[in-house]
Amino acid sequence: MSIAVRFPDGSVRAVPGHLRQIDDPPKEPPSFEQVPLHCDSRWIYYRSGKSWFARPRSGHVTPFCPPVDEWWRSIRAMADDEPLPETRWESAA
């Protein structure tokens, strides 16, 4: 499901959305509304009246943990930057 969102340049784009429960009355069926998913790291979505708008996110996204070196980096023969040793085959004759 997608929902129409107006972006700062004036364009309206279809953004992935989902249903969110608004209320849970005891004797009636619950009400739902369609809202955009915040799946794009460049934009944050907000509602003004009945319309949805996008604005650029501020700040930086940083990883929670430092990247781990790949396991094969410790094996010299698997290094990409070193040339492979040359092997010479000599005939037995």
N, C-alpha and C. Protein backbone atom coordinates (compact mmCIF):
# COMPACT_ATOMS: atom_id res chain seq x y z
N MET A 1 0.84 -1.17 0.00
CA MET A 1 0.00 0.00 0.00
C MET A 1 0.89 1.24 0.00
N SER A 2 0.52 2.21 -0.75
CA SER A 2 1.29 3.44 -0.78
C SER A 2 0.40 4.62 -0.43
N ILE A 3 1.04 5.71 -0.03
CA ILE A 3 0.32 6.91 0.36
C ILE A 3 0.98 8.10 -0.33
N ALA A 4 0.18 9.09 -0.73
CA ALA A 4 0.70 10.26 -1.42
C ALA A 4 1.32 11.22 -0.41
N VAL A 5 2.57 11.64 -0.69
CA VAL A 5 3.30 12.56 0.18
C VAL A 5 3.82 13.70 -0.68
N ARG A 6 3.63 14.94 -0.20
CA ARG A 6 4.13 16.11 -0.92
C ARG A 6 5.54 16.43 -0.43
N PHE A 7 6.48 16.57 -1.38
CA PHE A 7 7.87 16.84 -1.07
C PHE A 7 8.17 18.32 -1.22
N PRO A 8 9.29 18.81 -0.66
CA PRO A 8 9.60 20.24 -0.68
C PRO A 8 9.67 20.86 -2.08
N ASP A 9 10.01 20.07 -3.09
CA ASP A 9 10.06 20.62 -4.45
C ASP A 9 8.68 20.75 -5.09
N GLY A 10 7.62 20.37 -4.37
CA GLY A 10 6.26 20.50 -4.87
C GLY A 10 5.71 19.23 -5.50
N SER A 11 6.55 18.24 -5.68
CA SER A 11 6.08 16.99 -6.29
C SER A 11 5.34 16.14 -5.26
N VAL A 12 4.45 15.31 -5.76
CA VAL A 12 3.73 14.36 -4.92
C VAL A 12 4.17 12.97 -5.34
N ARG A 13 4.69 12.20 -4.39
CA ARG A 13 5.20 10.87 -4.69
C ARG A 13 4.47 9.83 -3.85
N ALA A 14 4.39 8.63 -4.40
CA ALA A 14 3.80 7.51 -3.68
C ALA A 14 4.87 6.90 -2.78
N VAL A 15 4.61 6.88 -1.48
CA VAL A 15 5.56 6.37 -0.48
C VAL A 15 4.95 5.12 0.14
N PRO A 16 5.76 4.09 0.40
CA PRO A 16 5.20 2.90 1.07
C PRO A 16 4.56 3.28 2.40
N GLY A 17 3.40 2.67 2.66
CA GLY A 17 2.69 2.98 3.89
C GLY A 17 2.17 1.72 4.57
N HIS A 18 1.60 1.91 5.74
CA HIS A 18 1.00 0.80 6.48
C HIS A 18 -0.19 1.33 7.29
N LEU A 19 -1.01 0.42 7.77
CA LEU A 19 -2.14 0.81 8.59
C LEU A 19 -1.72 0.87 10.05
N ARG A 20 -2.11 1.96 10.72
CA ARG A 20 -1.83 2.12 12.14
C ARG A 20 -3.16 2.24 12.88
N GLN A 21 -3.27 1.53 13.99
CA GLN A 21 -4.50 1.55 14.77
C GLN A 21 -4.60 2.87 15.53
N ILE A 22 -5.76 3.53 15.40
CA ILE A 22 -5.97 4.82 16.06
C ILE A 22 -6.53 4.62 17.46
N ASP A 23 -7.58 3.83 17.58
CA ASP A 23 -8.20 3.62 18.87
C ASP A 23 -8.67 2.18 19.01
N ASP A 24 -9.01 1.80 20.22
CA ASP A 24 -9.46 0.45 20.50
C ASP A 24 -10.67 0.52 21.44
N PRO A 25 -11.84 0.89 20.88
CA PRO A 25 -13.02 0.99 21.75
C PRO A 25 -13.44 -0.40 22.24
N PRO A 26 -14.00 -0.48 23.44
CA PRO A 26 -14.32 -1.79 24.01
C PRO A 26 -15.40 -2.56 23.26
N LYS A 27 -16.41 -1.90 22.70
CA LYS A 27 -17.51 -2.63 22.09
C LYS A 27 -17.65 -2.39 20.60
N GLU A 28 -16.74 -1.66 20.01
CA GLU A 28 -16.81 -1.37 18.57
C GLU A 28 -15.51 -1.86 17.92
N PRO A 29 -15.55 -2.03 16.60
CA PRO A 29 -14.30 -2.40 15.92
C PRO A 29 -13.30 -1.23 15.98
N PRO A 30 -12.01 -1.53 16.04
CA PRO A 30 -11.00 -0.45 16.11
C PRO A 30 -10.92 0.34 14.81
N SER A 31 -10.44 1.56 14.91
CA SER A 31 -10.24 2.43 13.74
C SER A 31 -8.78 2.40 13.34
N PHE A 32 -8.54 2.53 12.03
CA PHE A 32 -7.19 2.51 11.49
C PHE A 32 -7.00 3.70 10.57
N GLU A 33 -5.74 4.10 10.40
CA GLU A 33 -5.39 5.13 9.42
C GLU A 33 -4.17 4.66 8.65
N GLN A 34 -4.02 5.16 7.44
CA GLN A 34 -2.87 4.79 6.63
C GLN A 34 -1.80 5.87 6.82
N VAL A 35 -0.61 5.44 7.19
CA VAL A 35 0.51 6.36 7.43
C VAL A 35 1.73 5.90 6.63
N PRO A 36 2.61 6.83 6.23
CA PRO A 36 3.82 6.42 5.50
C PRO A 36 4.83 5.75 6.41
N LEU A 37 5.56 4.81 5.85
CA LEU A 37 6.67 4.17 6.58
C LEU A 37 7.88 5.09 6.54
N HIS A 38 8.59 5.18 7.63
CA HIS A 38 9.81 5.99 7.67
C HIS A 38 10.98 5.11 7.26
N CYS A 39 10.97 4.68 6.00
CA CYS A 39 11.99 3.73 5.52
C CYS A 39 13.08 4.41 4.70
N ASP A 40 12.97 5.71 4.45
CA ASP A 40 13.99 6.42 3.68
C ASP A 40 14.79 7.29 4.65
N SER A 41 16.09 7.08 4.70
CA SER A 41 16.91 7.81 5.67
C SER A 41 17.06 9.29 5.33
N ARG A 42 16.65 9.69 4.13
CA ARG A 42 16.78 11.10 3.76
C ARG A 42 15.58 11.94 4.15
N TRP A 43 14.40 11.34 4.38
CA TRP A 43 13.17 12.10 4.60
C TRP A 43 12.47 11.67 5.88
N ILE A 44 11.79 12.62 6.51
CA ILE A 44 10.89 12.34 7.62
C ILE A 44 9.52 12.86 7.21
N TYR A 45 8.48 12.13 7.55
CA TYR A 45 7.13 12.47 7.10
C TYR A 45 6.30 12.99 8.26
N TYR A 46 5.48 14.01 8.00
CA TYR A 46 4.61 14.58 9.02
C TYR A 46 3.28 14.94 8.38
N ARG A 47 2.26 15.00 9.22
CA ARG A 47 0.92 15.31 8.73
C ARG A 47 0.58 16.75 9.07
N SER A 48 -0.05 17.42 8.13
CA SER A 48 -0.58 18.76 8.35
C SER A 48 -2.00 18.74 7.80
N GLY A 49 -2.99 18.75 8.69
CA GLY A 49 -4.38 18.59 8.28
C GLY A 49 -4.61 17.14 7.87
N LYS A 50 -5.08 16.94 6.65
CA LYS A 50 -5.31 15.58 6.16
C LYS A 50 -4.23 15.14 5.17
N SER A 51 -3.24 15.99 4.93
CA SER A 51 -2.19 15.67 3.96
C SER A 51 -0.89 15.32 4.66
N TRP A 52 -0.06 14.52 3.96
CA TRP A 52 1.25 14.14 4.44
C TRP A 52 2.31 14.91 3.67
N PHE A 53 3.36 15.37 4.39
CA PHE A 53 4.45 16.12 3.80
C PHE A 53 5.78 15.49 4.20
N ALA A 54 6.80 15.78 3.40
CA ALA A 54 8.15 15.27 3.68
C ALA A 54 9.08 16.46 3.92
N ARG A 55 10.02 16.27 4.82
CA ARG A 55 11.08 17.27 5.03
C ARG A 55 12.39 16.51 5.20
N PRO A 56 13.49 17.14 4.82
CA PRO A 56 14.78 16.45 4.95
C PRO A 56 15.10 16.17 6.42
N ARG A 57 15.71 15.01 6.65
CA ARG A 57 16.15 14.68 8.01
C ARG A 57 17.40 15.50 8.32
N SER A 58 17.56 15.84 9.56
CA SER A 58 18.78 16.52 9.97
C SER A 58 19.58 15.59 10.86
N GLY A 59 20.87 15.79 10.88
CA GLY A 59 21.72 14.93 11.70
C GLY A 59 22.46 13.94 10.84
N HIS A 60 23.17 13.05 11.50
CA HIS A 60 23.96 12.04 10.82
C HIS A 60 23.54 10.66 11.28
N VAL A 61 23.65 9.71 10.39
CA VAL A 61 23.38 8.32 10.73
C VAL A 61 24.72 7.65 10.99
N THR A 62 24.87 7.08 12.16
CA THR A 62 26.12 6.40 12.50
C THR A 62 25.82 4.96 12.88
N PRO A 63 26.71 4.05 12.56
CA PRO A 63 26.49 2.66 12.94
C PRO A 63 26.63 2.49 14.46
N PHE A 64 25.95 1.51 15.02
CA PHE A 64 26.00 1.26 16.45
C PHE A 64 27.32 0.63 16.88
N CYS A 65 27.92 -0.17 16.02
CA CYS A 65 29.18 -0.82 16.38
C CYS A 65 30.17 -0.65 15.23
N PRO A 66 31.47 -0.63 15.53
CA PRO A 66 32.45 -0.47 14.46
C PRO A 66 32.45 -1.69 13.54
N PRO A 67 32.76 -1.49 12.27
CA PRO A 67 32.80 -2.64 11.36
C PRO A 67 33.90 -3.62 11.76
N VAL A 68 33.63 -4.87 11.58
CA VAL A 68 34.58 -5.94 11.92
C VAL A 68 35.33 -6.33 10.65
N ASP A 69 36.65 -6.50 10.80
CA ASP A 69 37.43 -6.95 9.65
C ASP A 69 36.98 -8.35 9.23
N GLU A 70 37.04 -8.59 7.93
CA GLU A 70 36.64 -9.89 7.43
C GLU A 70 37.64 -10.94 7.90
N TRP A 71 37.16 -12.15 8.09
CA TRP A 71 37.99 -13.22 8.64
C TRP A 71 39.14 -13.60 7.74
N TRP A 72 39.01 -13.41 6.44
CA TRP A 72 40.04 -13.86 5.51
C TRP A 72 41.19 -12.85 5.40
N ARG A 73 41.07 -11.68 5.99
CA ARG A 73 42.16 -10.69 5.91
C ARG A 73 43.42 -11.18 6.62
N SER A 74 43.29 -12.05 7.62
CA SER A 74 44.45 -12.53 8.36
C SER A 74 45.21 -13.62 7.60
N ILE A 75 44.65 -14.15 6.51
CA ILE A 75 45.30 -15.21 5.73
C ILE A 75 46.03 -14.54 4.57
N ARG A 76 47.36 -14.62 4.59
CA ARG A 76 48.17 -13.90 3.61
C ARG A 76 47.87 -14.30 2.17
N ALA A 77 47.61 -15.56 1.94
CA ALA A 77 47.38 -16.04 0.57
C ALA A 77 46.07 -15.51 -0.01
N MET A 78 45.16 -15.05 0.84
CA MET A 78 43.87 -14.56 0.37
C MET A 78 43.82 -13.04 0.22
N ALA A 79 44.95 -12.37 0.47
CA ALA A 79 45.00 -10.91 0.36
C ALA A 79 44.88 -10.49 -1.10
N ASP A 80 44.14 -9.43 -1.35
CA ASP A 80 43.96 -8.93 -2.71
C ASP A 80 45.13 -8.09 -3.19
N ASP A 81 45.84 -7.45 -2.27
CA ASP A 81 46.87 -6.52 -2.68
C ASP A 81 48.23 -7.18 -2.95
N GLU A 82 48.42 -8.40 -2.49
CA GLU A 82 49.69 -9.08 -2.73
C GLU A 82 49.59 -9.96 -3.98
N PRO A 83 50.64 -9.96 -4.84
CA PRO A 83 50.59 -10.83 -6.02
C PRO A 83 50.73 -12.30 -5.61
N LEU A 84 50.16 -13.15 -6.40
CA LEU A 84 50.24 -14.58 -6.12
C LEU A 84 51.65 -15.08 -6.42
N PRO A 85 52.17 -16.00 -5.61
CA PRO A 85 53.51 -16.53 -5.89
C PRO A 85 53.51 -17.32 -7.19
N GLU A 86 54.58 -17.16 -7.93
CA GLU A 86 54.67 -17.87 -9.21
C GLU A 86 55.13 -19.30 -8.96
N THR A 87 54.54 -20.22 -9.67
CA THR A 87 54.93 -21.64 -9.56
C THR A 87 55.50 -22.05 -10.91
N ARG A 88 56.62 -22.71 -10.85
CA ARG A 88 57.24 -23.17 -12.09
C ARG A 88 57.19 -24.68 -12.09
N TRP A 89 56.70 -25.18 -13.17
CA TRP A 89 56.63 -26.65 -13.33
C TRP A 89 57.80 -27.07 -14.20
N GLU A 90 58.59 -27.93 -13.67
CA GLU A 90 59.72 -28.45 -14.44
C GLU A 90 59.39 -29.84 -14.92
N SER A 91 59.79 -30.12 -16.11
CA SER A 91 59.51 -31.46 -16.65
C SER A 91 60.46 -32.47 -16.00
N ALA A 92 59.96 -33.67 -15.83
CA ALA A 92 60.74 -34.74 -15.18
C ALA A 92 61.76 -35.35 -16.13
N ALA A 93 61.73 -34.98 -17.38
CA ALA A 93 62.64 -35.60 -18.34
C ALA A 93 64.02 -35.04 -18.34
